[in-house]
Amino acid sequence: MKHKVTFLPSNRTVEVDEDDLPYGDHGKPGSILDVALQNGIDLEHNCGGNCACTACHVINRAGEKSLSGMEEDEEDKLDQAPGLTPYSRLGCQAVVRGDVTVEIPEI
């Protein structure tokens, strides 16, 4: 199955084919971080995608139901993210399951 992920503010859309996953070893397979790095999109990831920092913080702008549910460790870590919103996710933990639009906030 194929999905589209749009990254803001660059307004760049990439296609994710679930049959090609995982792309790399940064974050969960098929995560926003995994997709970004595979497609040359700069998304910070100081801990290597292990849910140990907030560098890969993104804000979901559309398609919230097309991301995996948030687990407790992600929720706990997000409390430390600068610019936290009700739509914040860690890119390493949010797995793409449909079309989504995410914003990479300015730090």
PDB file of N, CA and C in Angstrom:
ATOM      1  N   MET A   1       0.838  -1.172   0.000  1.00  0.00           N
ATOM      2  CA  MET A   1       0.000   0.000   0.000  1.00  0.00           C
ATOM      3  C   MET A   1       0.890   1.245   0.000  1.00  0.00           C
ATOM      4  N   LYS A   2       0.491   2.274  -0.729  1.00  0.00           N
ATOM      5  CA  LYS A   2       1.270   3.505  -0.831  1.00  0.00           C
ATOM      6  C   LYS A   2       0.552   4.648  -0.127  1.00  0.00           C
ATOM      7  N   HIS A   3       1.367   5.516   0.503  1.00  0.00           N
ATOM      8  CA  HIS A   3       0.860   6.681   1.222  1.00  0.00           C
ATOM      9  C   HIS A   3       1.704   7.885   0.844  1.00  0.00           C
ATOM     10  N   LYS A   4       1.146   9.067   1.045  1.00  0.00           N
ATOM     11  CA  LYS A   4       1.877  10.307   0.800  1.00  0.00           C
ATOM     12  C   LYS A   4       2.112  11.015   2.124  1.00  0.00           C
ATOM     13  N   VAL A   5       3.342  11.504   2.276  1.00  0.00           N
ATOM     14  CA  VAL A   5       3.702  12.290   3.446  1.00  0.00           C
ATOM     15  C   VAL A   5       4.181  13.646   2.941  1.00  0.00           C
ATOM     16  N   THR A   6       3.534  14.704   3.423  1.00  0.00           N
ATOM     17  CA  THR A   6       3.936  16.061   3.068  1.00  0.00           C
ATOM     18  C   THR A   6       4.625  16.684   4.266  1.00  0.00           C
ATOM     19  N   PHE A   7       5.805  17.238   4.005  1.00  0.00           N
ATOM     20  CA  PHE A   7       6.602  17.890   5.041  1.00  0.00           C
ATOM     21  C   PHE A   7       6.527  19.398   4.847  1.00  0.00           C
ATOM     22  N   LEU A   8       6.132  20.096   5.908  1.00  0.00           N
ATOM     23  CA  LEU A   8       6.099  21.553   5.923  1.00  0.00           C
ATOM     24  C   LEU A   8       7.250  22.038   6.786  1.00  0.00           C
ATOM     25  N   PRO A   9       7.818  23.194   6.605  1.00  0.00           N
ATOM     26  CA  PRO A   9       7.375  24.248   5.715  1.00  0.00           C
ATOM     27  C   PRO A   9       7.886  24.118   4.278  1.00  0.00           C
ATOM     28  N   SER A  10       8.658  23.086   3.973  1.00  0.00           N
ATOM     29  CA  SER A  10       9.205  22.954   2.613  1.00  0.00           C
ATOM     30  C   SER A  10       8.134  22.581   1.588  1.00  0.00           C
ATOM     31  N   ASN A  11       6.973  22.111   2.072  1.00  0.00           N
ATOM     32  CA  ASN A  11       5.874  21.681   1.209  1.00  0.00           C
ATOM     33  C   ASN A  11       6.318  20.586   0.233  1.00  0.00           C
ATOM     34  N   ARG A  12       7.144  19.684   0.728  1.00  0.00           N
ATOM     35  CA  ARG A  12       7.643  18.572  -0.085  1.00  0.00           C
ATOM     36  C   ARG A  12       6.848  17.312   0.235  1.00  0.00           C
ATOM     37  N   THR A  13       6.317  16.683  -0.796  1.00  0.00           N
ATOM     38  CA  THR A  13       5.537  15.461  -0.625  1.00  0.00           C
ATOM     39  C   THR A  13       6.312  14.279  -1.166  1.00  0.00           C
ATOM     40  N   VAL A  14       6.363  13.212  -0.382  1.00  0.00           N
ATOM     41  CA  VAL A  14       7.043  11.984  -0.790  1.00  0.00           C
ATOM     42  C   VAL A  14       6.056  10.830  -0.686  1.00  0.00           C
ATOM     43  N   GLU A  15       6.325   9.781  -1.436  1.00  0.00           N
ATOM     44  CA  GLU A  15       5.465   8.606  -1.415  1.00  0.00           C
ATOM     45  C   GLU A  15       6.137   7.493  -0.618  1.00  0.00           C
ATOM     46  N   VAL A  16       5.351   6.838   0.212  1.00  0.00           N
ATOM     47  CA  VAL A  16       5.826   5.730   1.031  1.00  0.00           C
ATOM     48  C   VAL A  16       5.137   4.463   0.535  1.00  0.00           C
ATOM     49  N   ASP A  17       5.936   3.463   0.196  1.00  0.00           N
ATOM     50  CA  ASP A  17       5.390   2.168  -0.193  1.00  0.00           C
ATOM     51  C   ASP A  17       5.691   1.189   0.938  1.00  0.00           C
ATOM     52  N   GLU A  18       4.659   0.705   1.601  1.00  0.00           N
ATOM     53  CA  GLU A  18       4.841  -0.194   2.744  1.00  0.00           C
ATOM     54  C   GLU A  18       5.659  -1.434   2.389  1.00  0.00           C
ATOM     55  N   ASP A  19       5.645  -1.837   1.125  1.00  0.00           N
ATOM     56  CA  ASP A  19       6.403  -3.014   0.706  1.00  0.00           C
ATOM     57  C   ASP A  19       7.909  -2.783   0.756  1.00  0.00           C
ATOM     58  N   ASP A  20       8.343  -1.506   0.774  1.00  0.00           N
ATOM     59  CA  ASP A  20       9.765  -1.170   0.784  1.00  0.00           C
ATOM     60  C   ASP A  20      10.320  -0.972   2.189  1.00  0.00           C
ATOM     61  N   LEU A  21       9.482  -1.068   3.217  1.00  0.00           N
ATOM     62  CA  LEU A  21       9.914  -0.804   4.585  1.00  0.00           C
ATOM     63  C   LEU A  21      10.623  -1.997   5.192  1.00  0.00           C
ATOM     64  N   PRO A  22      11.527  -1.809   6.148  1.00  0.00           N
ATOM     65  CA  PRO A  22      11.982  -0.514   6.634  1.00  0.00           C
ATOM     66  C   PRO A  22      13.051   0.068   5.713  1.00  0.00           C
ATOM     67  N   TYR A  23      13.155   1.389   5.726  1.00  0.00           N
ATOM     68  CA  TYR A  23      14.170   2.055   4.912  1.00  0.00           C
ATOM     69  C   TYR A  23      15.533   1.994   5.588  1.00  0.00           C
ATOM     70  N   GLY A  24      15.565   2.291   6.876  1.00  0.00           N
ATOM     71  CA  GLY A  24      16.828   2.345   7.607  1.00  0.00           C
ATOM     72  C   GLY A  24      16.618   1.898   9.030  1.00  0.00           C
ATOM     73  N   ASP A  25      17.496   2.342   9.890  1.00  0.00           N
ATOM     74  CA  ASP A  25      17.399   1.923  11.288  1.00  0.00           C
ATOM     75  C   ASP A  25      17.223   3.115  12.220  1.00  0.00           C
ATOM     76  N   HIS A  26      16.574   4.162  11.727  1.00  0.00           N
ATOM     77  CA  HIS A  26      16.319   5.340  12.559  1.00  0.00           C
ATOM     78  C   HIS A  26      14.833   5.394  12.895  1.00  0.00           C
ATOM     79  N   GLY A  27      14.510   5.108  14.139  1.00  0.00           N
ATOM     80  CA  GLY A  27      13.122   5.103  14.568  1.00  0.00           C
ATOM     81  C   GLY A  27      12.434   3.813  14.169  1.00  0.00           C
ATOM     82  N   LYS A  28      11.150   3.786  14.423  1.00  0.00           N
ATOM     83  CA  LYS A  28      10.358   2.617  14.060  1.00  0.00           C
ATOM     84  C   LYS A  28      10.280   2.514  12.533  1.00  0.00           C
ATOM     85  N   PRO A  29      10.238   1.301  11.989  1.00  0.00           N
ATOM     86  CA  PRO A  29      10.112   1.153  10.534  1.00  0.00           C
ATOM     87  C   PRO A  29       8.860   1.853  10.013  1.00  0.00           C
ATOM     88  N   GLY A  30       9.037   2.712   9.020  1.00  0.00           N
ATOM     89  CA  GLY A  30       7.913   3.441   8.449  1.00  0.00           C
ATOM     90  C   GLY A  30       7.530   4.681   9.230  1.00  0.00           C
ATOM     91  N   SER A  31       8.362   5.056  10.207  1.00  0.00           N
ATOM     92  CA  SER A  31       8.081   6.259  10.990  1.00  0.00           C
ATOM     93  C   SER A  31       8.340   7.507  10.147  1.00  0.00           C
ATOM     94  N   ILE A  32       7.852   8.627  10.616  1.00  0.00           N
ATOM     95  CA  ILE A  32       8.094   9.893   9.924  1.00  0.00           C
ATOM     96  C   ILE A  32       9.588  10.131   9.788  1.00  0.00           C
ATOM     97  N   LEU A  33      10.355   9.824  10.817  1.00  0.00           N
ATOM     98  CA  LEU A  33      11.814   9.978  10.747  1.00  0.00           C
ATOM     99  C   LEU A  33      12.406   9.071   9.681  1.00  0.00           C
ATOM    100  N   ASP A  34      12.003   7.821   9.649  1.00  0.00           N
ATOM    101  CA  ASP A  34      12.482   6.851   8.659  1.00  0.00           C
ATOM    102  C   ASP A  34      12.183   7.358   7.241  1.00  0.00           C
ATOM    103  N   VAL A  35      10.979   7.843   7.028  1.00  0.00           N
ATOM    104  CA  VAL A  35      10.562   8.345   5.712  1.00  0.00           C
ATOM    105  C   VAL A  35      11.357   9.599   5.342  1.00  0.00           C
ATOM    106  N   ALA A  36      11.502  10.517   6.297  1.00  0.00           N
ATOM    107  CA  ALA A  36      12.225  11.760   6.027  1.00  0.00           C
ATOM    108  C   ALA A  36      13.659  11.485   5.605  1.00  0.00           C
ATOM    109  N   LEU A  37      14.372  10.678   6.378  1.00  0.00           N
ATOM    110  CA  LEU A  37      15.774  10.411   6.074  1.00  0.00           C
ATOM    111  C   LEU A  37      15.935   9.678   4.749  1.00  0.00           C
ATOM    112  N   GLN A  38      15.045   8.767   4.435  1.00  0.00           N
ATOM    113  CA  GLN A  38      15.091   8.032   3.169  1.00  0.00           C
ATOM    114  C   GLN A  38      14.956   8.970   1.978  1.00  0.00           C
ATOM    115  N   ASN A  39      14.258  10.075   2.183  1.00  0.00           N
ATOM    116  CA  ASN A  39      13.972  10.991   1.086  1.00  0.00           C
ATOM    117  C   ASN A  39      14.758  12.294   1.150  1.00  0.00           C
ATOM    118  N   GLY A  40      15.831  12.303   1.932  1.00  0.00           N
ATOM    119  CA  GLY A  40      16.715  13.462   1.983  1.00  0.00           C
ATOM    120  C   GLY A  40      16.124  14.681   2.661  1.00  0.00           C
ATOM    121  N   ILE A  41      15.162  14.469   3.538  1.00  0.00           N
ATOM    122  CA  ILE A  41      14.546  15.577   4.278  1.00  0.00           C
ATOM    123  C   ILE A  41      15.208  15.655   5.645  1.00  0.00           C
ATOM    124  N   ASP A  42      15.703  16.838   5.973  1.00  0.00           N
ATOM    125  CA  ASP A  42      16.453  17.035   7.207  1.00  0.00           C
ATOM    126  C   ASP A  42      15.508  17.070   8.400  1.00  0.00           C
ATOM    127  N   LEU A  43      15.565  16.028   9.212  1.00  0.00           N
ATOM    128  CA  LEU A  43      14.813  15.969  10.458  1.00  0.00           C
ATOM    129  C   LEU A  43      15.796  15.534  11.535  1.00  0.00           C
ATOM    130  N   GLU A  44      16.073  16.438  12.458  1.00  0.00           N
ATOM    131  CA  GLU A  44      17.033  16.143  13.521  1.00  0.00           C
ATOM    132  C   GLU A  44      16.653  14.854  14.252  1.00  0.00           C
ATOM    133  N   HIS A  45      17.677  14.151  14.750  1.00  0.00           N
ATOM    134  CA  HIS A  45      17.438  12.895  15.469  1.00  0.00           C
ATOM    135  C   HIS A  45      18.659  12.561  16.309  1.00  0.00           C
ATOM    136  N   ASN A  46      18.854  13.338  17.358  1.00  0.00           N
ATOM    137  CA  ASN A  46      20.049  13.215  18.188  1.00  0.00           C
ATOM    138  C   ASN A  46      20.235  11.849  18.824  1.00  0.00           C
ATOM    139  N   CYS A  47      19.156  11.157  19.146  1.00  0.00           N
ATOM    140  CA  CYS A  47      19.281   9.870  19.844  1.00  0.00           C
ATOM    141  C   CYS A  47      19.258   8.677  18.890  1.00  0.00           C
ATOM    142  N   GLY A  48      19.215   8.939  17.588  1.00  0.00           N
ATOM    143  CA  GLY A  48      19.178   7.845  16.628  1.00  0.00           C
ATOM    144  C   GLY A  48      17.805   7.225  16.463  1.00  0.00           C
ATOM    145  N   GLY A  49      16.780   7.907  16.927  1.00  0.00           N
ATOM    146  CA  GLY A  49      15.420   7.396  16.755  1.00  0.00           C
ATOM    147  C   GLY A  49      14.983   6.420  17.824  1.00  0.00           C
ATOM    148  N   ASN A  50      15.515   6.587  19.034  1.00  0.00           N
ATOM    149  CA  ASN A  50      15.219   5.653  20.120  1.00  0.00           C
ATOM    150  C   ASN A  50      14.270   6.212  21.179  1.00  0.00           C
ATOM    151  N   CYS A  51      13.576   7.294  20.871  1.00  0.00           N
ATOM    152  CA  CYS A  51      12.631   7.912  21.807  1.00  0.00           C
ATOM    153  C   CYS A  51      13.335   8.361  23.084  1.00  0.00           C
ATOM    154  N   ALA A  52      14.572   8.849  22.947  1.00  0.00           N
ATOM    155  CA  ALA A  52      15.336   9.293  24.106  1.00  0.00           C
ATOM    156  C   ALA A  52      15.573  10.799  24.102  1.00  0.00           C
ATOM    157  N   CYS A  53      15.071  11.510  23.083  1.00  0.00           N
ATOM    158  CA  CYS A  53      15.192  12.961  23.021  1.00  0.00           C
ATOM    159  C   CYS A  53      13.950  13.510  22.318  1.00  0.00           C
ATOM    160  N   THR A  54      13.931  14.796  22.052  1.00  0.00           N
ATOM    161  CA  THR A  54      12.783  15.396  21.357  1.00  0.00           C
ATOM    162  C   THR A  54      13.204  16.085  20.060  1.00  0.00           C
ATOM    163  N   ALA A  55      14.398  15.794  19.566  1.00  0.00           N
ATOM    164  CA  ALA A  55      14.923  16.478  18.382  1.00  0.00           C
ATOM    165  C   ALA A  55      14.062  16.253  17.136  1.00  0.00           C
ATOM    166  N   CYS A  56      13.393  15.114  17.020  1.00  0.00           N
ATOM    167  CA  CYS A  56      12.599  14.803  15.831  1.00  0.00           C
ATOM    168  C   CYS A  56      11.125  15.198  15.996  1.00  0.00           C
ATOM    169  N   HIS A  57      10.860  16.132  16.909  1.00  0.00           N
ATOM    170  CA  HIS A  57       9.504  16.626  17.152  1.00  0.00           C
ATOM    171  C   HIS A  57       8.909  17.193  15.871  1.00  0.00           C
ATOM    172  N   VAL A  58       7.708  16.742  15.538  1.00  0.00           N
ATOM    173  CA  VAL A  58       6.955  17.271  14.400  1.00  0.00           C
ATOM    174  C   VAL A  58       5.544  17.596  14.878  1.00  0.00           C
ATOM    175  N   ILE A  59       4.846  18.405  14.083  1.00  0.00           N
ATOM    176  CA  ILE A  59       3.466  18.755  14.396  1.00  0.00           C
ATOM    177  C   ILE A  59       2.581  18.221  13.276  1.00  0.00           C
ATOM    178  N   ASN A  60       1.635  17.376  13.639  1.00  0.00           N
ATOM    179  CA  ASN A  60       0.720  16.806  12.656  1.00  0.00           C
ATOM    180  C   ASN A  60      -0.270  17.876  12.220  1.00  0.00           C
ATOM    181  N   ARG A  61      -0.336  18.132  10.926  1.00  0.00           N
ATOM    182  CA  ARG A  61      -1.250  19.153  10.397  1.00  0.00           C
ATOM    183  C   ARG A  61      -2.445  18.549   9.662  1.00  0.00           C
ATOM    184  N   ALA A  62      -2.329  17.306   9.219  1.00  0.00           N
ATOM    185  CA  ALA A  62      -3.448  16.625   8.556  1.00  0.00           C
ATOM    186  C   ALA A  62      -3.184  15.129   8.575  1.00  0.00           C
ATOM    187  N   GLY A  63      -4.253  14.346   8.736  1.00  0.00           N
ATOM    188  CA  GLY A  63      -4.138  12.896   8.693  1.00  0.00           C
ATOM    189  C   GLY A  63      -3.754  12.258  10.005  1.00  0.00           C
ATOM    190  N   GLU A  64      -4.172  12.854  11.103  1.00  0.00           N
ATOM    191  CA  GLU A  64      -3.813  12.332  12.431  1.00  0.00           C
ATOM    192  C   GLU A  64      -4.157  10.857  12.594  1.00  0.00           C
ATOM    193  N   LYS A  65      -5.279  10.433  12.043  1.00  0.00           N
ATOM    194  CA  LYS A  65      -5.694   9.029  12.163  1.00  0.00           C
ATOM    195  C   LYS A  65      -4.863   8.099  11.276  1.00  0.00           C
ATOM    196  N   SER A  66      -4.018   8.680  10.424  1.00  0.00           N
ATOM    197  CA  SER A  66      -3.150   7.887   9.550  1.00  0.00           C
ATOM    198  C   SER A  66      -1.778   7.662  10.161  1.00  0.00           C
ATOM    199  N   LEU A  67      -1.632   7.992  11.440  1.00  0.00           N
ATOM    200  CA  LEU A  67      -0.398   7.719  12.171  1.00  0.00           C
ATOM    201  C   LEU A  67      -0.692   6.702  13.268  1.00  0.00           C
ATOM    202  N   SER A  68       0.315   5.928  13.613  1.00  0.00           N
ATOM    203  CA  SER A  68       0.160   4.973  14.709  1.00  0.00           C
ATOM    204  C   SER A  68      -0.193   5.722  15.986  1.00  0.00           C
ATOM    205  N   GLY A  69      -0.808   5.021  16.910  1.00  0.00           N
ATOM    206  CA  GLY A  69      -1.161   5.627  18.183  1.00  0.00           C
ATOM    207  C   GLY A  69       0.072   5.961  19.008  1.00  0.00           C
ATOM    208  N   MET A  70      -0.083   6.922  19.906  1.00  0.00           N
ATOM    209  CA  MET A  70       1.024   7.333  20.753  1.00  0.00           C
ATOM    210  C   MET A  70       1.130   6.409  21.955  1.00  0.00           C
ATOM    211  N   GLU A  71       2.338   5.923  22.194  1.00  0.00           N
ATOM    212  CA  GLU A  71       2.589   5.083  23.354  1.00  0.00           C
ATOM    213  C   GLU A  71       3.066   5.945  24.516  1.00  0.00           C
ATOM    214  N   GLU A  72       3.048   5.389  25.704  1.00  0.00           N
ATOM    215  CA  GLU A  72       3.344   6.144  26.909  1.00  0.00           C
ATOM    216  C   GLU A  72       4.747   6.755  26.915  1.00  0.00           C
ATOM    217  N   ASP A  73       5.757   6.029  26.426  1.00  0.00           N
ATOM    218  CA  ASP A  73       7.114   6.577  26.443  1.00  0.00           C
ATOM    219  C   ASP A  73       7.231   7.806  25.537  1.00  0.00           C
ATOM    220  N   GLU A  74       6.533   7.799  24.388  1.00  0.00           N
ATOM    221  CA  GLU A  74       6.542   8.971  23.511  1.00  0.00           C
ATOM    222  C   GLU A  74       5.830  10.144  24.193  1.00  0.00           C
ATOM    223  N   GLU A  75       4.692   9.869  24.800  1.00  0.00           N
ATOM    224  CA  GLU A  75       3.933  10.910  25.480  1.00  0.00           C
ATOM    225  C   GLU A  75       4.760  11.554  26.596  1.00  0.00           C
ATOM    226  N   ASP A  76       5.463  10.739  27.363  1.00  0.00           N
ATOM    227  CA  ASP A  76       6.305  11.248  28.450  1.00  0.00           C
ATOM    228  C   ASP A  76       7.436  12.111  27.912  1.00  0.00           C
ATOM    229  N   LYS A  77       8.072  11.683  26.843  1.00  0.00           N
ATOM    230  CA  LYS A  77       9.202  12.418  26.270  1.00  0.00           C
ATOM    231  C   LYS A  77       8.744  13.722  25.634  1.00  0.00           C
ATOM    232  N   LEU A  78       7.570  13.717  24.994  1.00  0.00           N
ATOM    233  CA  LEU A  78       7.066  14.920  24.323  1.00  0.00           C
ATOM    234  C   LEU A  78       6.865  16.083  25.290  1.00  0.00           C
ATOM    235  N   ASP A  79       6.610  15.797  26.551  1.00  0.00           N
ATOM    236  CA  ASP A  79       6.435  16.866  27.540  1.00  0.00           C
ATOM    237  C   ASP A  79       7.650  17.791  27.595  1.00  0.00           C
ATOM    238  N   GLN A  80       8.786  17.326  27.126  1.00  0.00           N
ATOM    239  CA  GLN A  80      10.025  18.112  27.160  1.00  0.00           C
ATOM    240  C   GLN A  80      10.289  18.858  25.851  1.00  0.00           C
ATOM    241  N   ALA A  81       9.444  18.677  24.851  1.00  0.00           N
ATOM    242  CA  ALA A  81       9.678  19.273  23.536  1.00  0.00           C
ATOM    243  C   ALA A  81       9.346  20.763  23.528  1.00  0.00           C
ATOM    244  N   PRO A  82      10.259  21.583  23.003  1.00  0.00           N
ATOM    245  CA  PRO A  82       9.930  23.003  22.866  1.00  0.00           C
ATOM    246  C   PRO A  82       8.843  23.180  21.795  1.00  0.00           C
ATOM    247  N   GLY A  83       7.914  24.092  22.034  1.00  0.00           N
ATOM    248  CA  GLY A  83       6.860  24.343  21.062  1.00  0.00           C
ATOM    249  C   GLY A  83       5.796  23.264  21.016  1.00  0.00           C
ATOM    250  N   LEU A  84       5.617  22.543  22.107  1.00  0.00           N
ATOM    251  CA  LEU A  84       4.657  21.440  22.175  1.00  0.00           C
ATOM    252  C   LEU A  84       3.244  21.918  21.850  1.00  0.00           C
ATOM    253  N   THR A  85       2.534  21.139  21.038  1.00  0.00           N
ATOM    254  CA  THR A  85       1.136  21.429  20.699  1.00  0.00           C
ATOM    255  C   THR A  85       0.317  20.156  20.941  1.00  0.00           C
ATOM    256  N   PRO A  86      -1.003  20.250  20.908  1.00  0.00           N
ATOM    257  CA  PRO A  86      -1.828  19.046  21.031  1.00  0.00           C
ATOM    258  C   PRO A  86      -1.633  18.077  19.860  1.00  0.00           C
ATOM    259  N   TYR A  87      -0.992  18.539  18.784  1.00  0.00           N
ATOM    260  CA  TYR A  87      -0.785  17.709  17.591  1.00  0.00           C
ATOM    261  C   TYR A  87       0.663  17.274  17.430  1.00  0.00           C
ATOM    262  N   SER A  88       1.466  17.460  18.469  1.00  0.00           N
ATOM    263  CA  SER A  88       2.881  17.095  18.420  1.00  0.00           C
ATOM    264  C   SER A  88       3.065  15.588  18.466  1.00  0.00           C
ATOM    265  N   ARG A  89       4.085  15.140  17.754  1.00  0.00           N
ATOM    266  CA  ARG A  89       4.507  13.733  17.767  1.00  0.00           C
ATOM    267  C   ARG A  89       6.024  13.698  17.661  1.00  0.00           C
ATOM    268  N   LEU A  90       6.609  12.586  18.071  1.00  0.00           N
ATOM    269  CA  LEU A  90       8.020  12.345  17.808  1.00  0.00           C
ATOM    270  C   LEU A  90       8.105  11.608  16.485  1.00  0.00           C
ATOM    271  N   GLY A  91       8.887  12.143  15.566  1.00  0.00           N
ATOM    272  CA  GLY A  91       8.997  11.552  14.238  1.00  0.00           C
ATOM    273  C   GLY A  91       9.493  10.122  14.260  1.00  0.00           C
ATOM    274  N   CYS A  92      10.275   9.758  15.258  1.00  0.00           N
ATOM    275  CA  CYS A  92      10.823   8.401  15.329  1.00  0.00           C
ATOM    276  C   CYS A  92       9.797   7.374  15.773  1.00  0.00           C
ATOM    277  N   GLN A  93       8.700   7.838  16.379  1.00  0.00           N
ATOM    278  CA  GLN A  93       7.698   6.926  16.935  1.00  0.00           C
ATOM    279  C   GLN A  93       6.401   6.875  16.136  1.00  0.00           C
ATOM    280  N   ALA A  94       6.102   7.923  15.389  1.00  0.00           N
ATOM    281  CA  ALA A  94       4.852   8.021  14.634  1.00  0.00           C
ATOM    282  C   ALA A  94       4.988   7.303  13.297  1.00  0.00           C
ATOM    283  N   VAL A  95       4.362   6.138  13.182  1.00  0.00           N
ATOM    284  CA  VAL A  95       4.442   5.314  11.969  1.00  0.00           C
ATOM    285  C   VAL A  95       3.320   5.714  11.009  1.00  0.00           C
ATOM    286  N   VAL A  96       3.709   5.918   9.753  1.00  0.00           N
ATOM    287  CA  VAL A  96       2.773   6.352   8.710  1.00  0.00           C
ATOM    288  C   VAL A  96       1.932   5.168   8.251  1.00  0.00           C
ATOM    289  N   ARG A  97       0.601   5.365   8.300  1.00  0.00           N
ATOM    290  CA  ARG A  97      -0.327   4.314   7.873  1.00  0.00           C
ATOM    291  C   ARG A  97      -1.351   4.843   6.872  1.00  0.00           C
ATOM    292  N   GLY A  98      -1.101   6.041   6.356  1.00  0.00           N
ATOM    293  CA  GLY A  98      -1.991   6.698   5.406  1.00  0.00           C
ATOM    294  C   GLY A  98      -1.396   8.046   5.055  1.00  0.00           C
ATOM    295  N   ASP A  99      -2.124   8.855   4.313  1.00  0.00           N
ATOM    296  CA  ASP A  99      -1.629  10.171   3.911  1.00  0.00           C
ATOM    297  C   ASP A  99      -1.607  11.117   5.108  1.00  0.00           C
ATOM    298  N   VAL A 100      -0.473  11.802   5.284  1.00  0.00           N
ATOM    299  CA  VAL A 100      -0.312  12.739   6.395  1.00  0.00           C
ATOM    300  C   VAL A 100       0.447  13.972   5.937  1.00  0.00           C
ATOM    301  N   THR A 101       0.250  15.045   6.688  1.00  0.00           N
ATOM    302  CA  THR A 101       1.028  16.272   6.534  1.00  0.00           C
ATOM    303  C   THR A 101       1.585  16.617   7.895  1.00  0.00           C
ATOM    304  N   VAL A 102       2.897  16.807   7.965  1.00  0.00           N
ATOM    305  CA  VAL A 102       3.547  17.157   9.211  1.00  0.00           C
ATOM    306  C   VAL A 102       4.415  18.387   9.003  1.00  0.00           C
ATOM    307  N   GLU A 103       4.502  19.189  10.058  1.00  0.00           N
ATOM    308  CA  GLU A 103       5.355  20.370  10.050  1.00  0.00           C
ATOM    309  C   GLU A 103       6.578  20.096  10.902  1.00  0.00           C
ATOM    310  N   ILE A 104       7.740  20.424  10.364  1.00  0.00           N
ATOM    311  CA  ILE A 104       8.974  20.362  11.141  1.00  0.00           C
ATOM    312  C   ILE A 104       9.160  21.756  11.716  1.00  0.00           C
ATOM    313  N   PRO A 105       8.946  21.924  13.026  1.00  0.00           N
ATOM    314  CA  PRO A 105       8.994  23.272  13.608  1.00  0.00           C
ATOM    315  C   PRO A 105      10.407  23.847  13.640  1.00  0.00           C
ATOM    316  N   GLU A 106      10.468  25.172  13.538  1.00  0.00           N
ATOM    317  CA  GLU A 106      11.747  25.869  13.699  1.00  0.00           C
ATOM    318  C   GLU A 106      12.112  25.811  15.173  1.00  0.00           C
ATOM    319  N   ILE A 107      13.374  25.529  15.427  1.00  0.00           N
ATOM    320  CA  ILE A 107      13.807  25.444  16.838  1.00  0.00           C
ATOM    321  C   ILE A 107      14.485  26.726  17.246  1.00  0.00           C
TER     322      ILE A 107
END
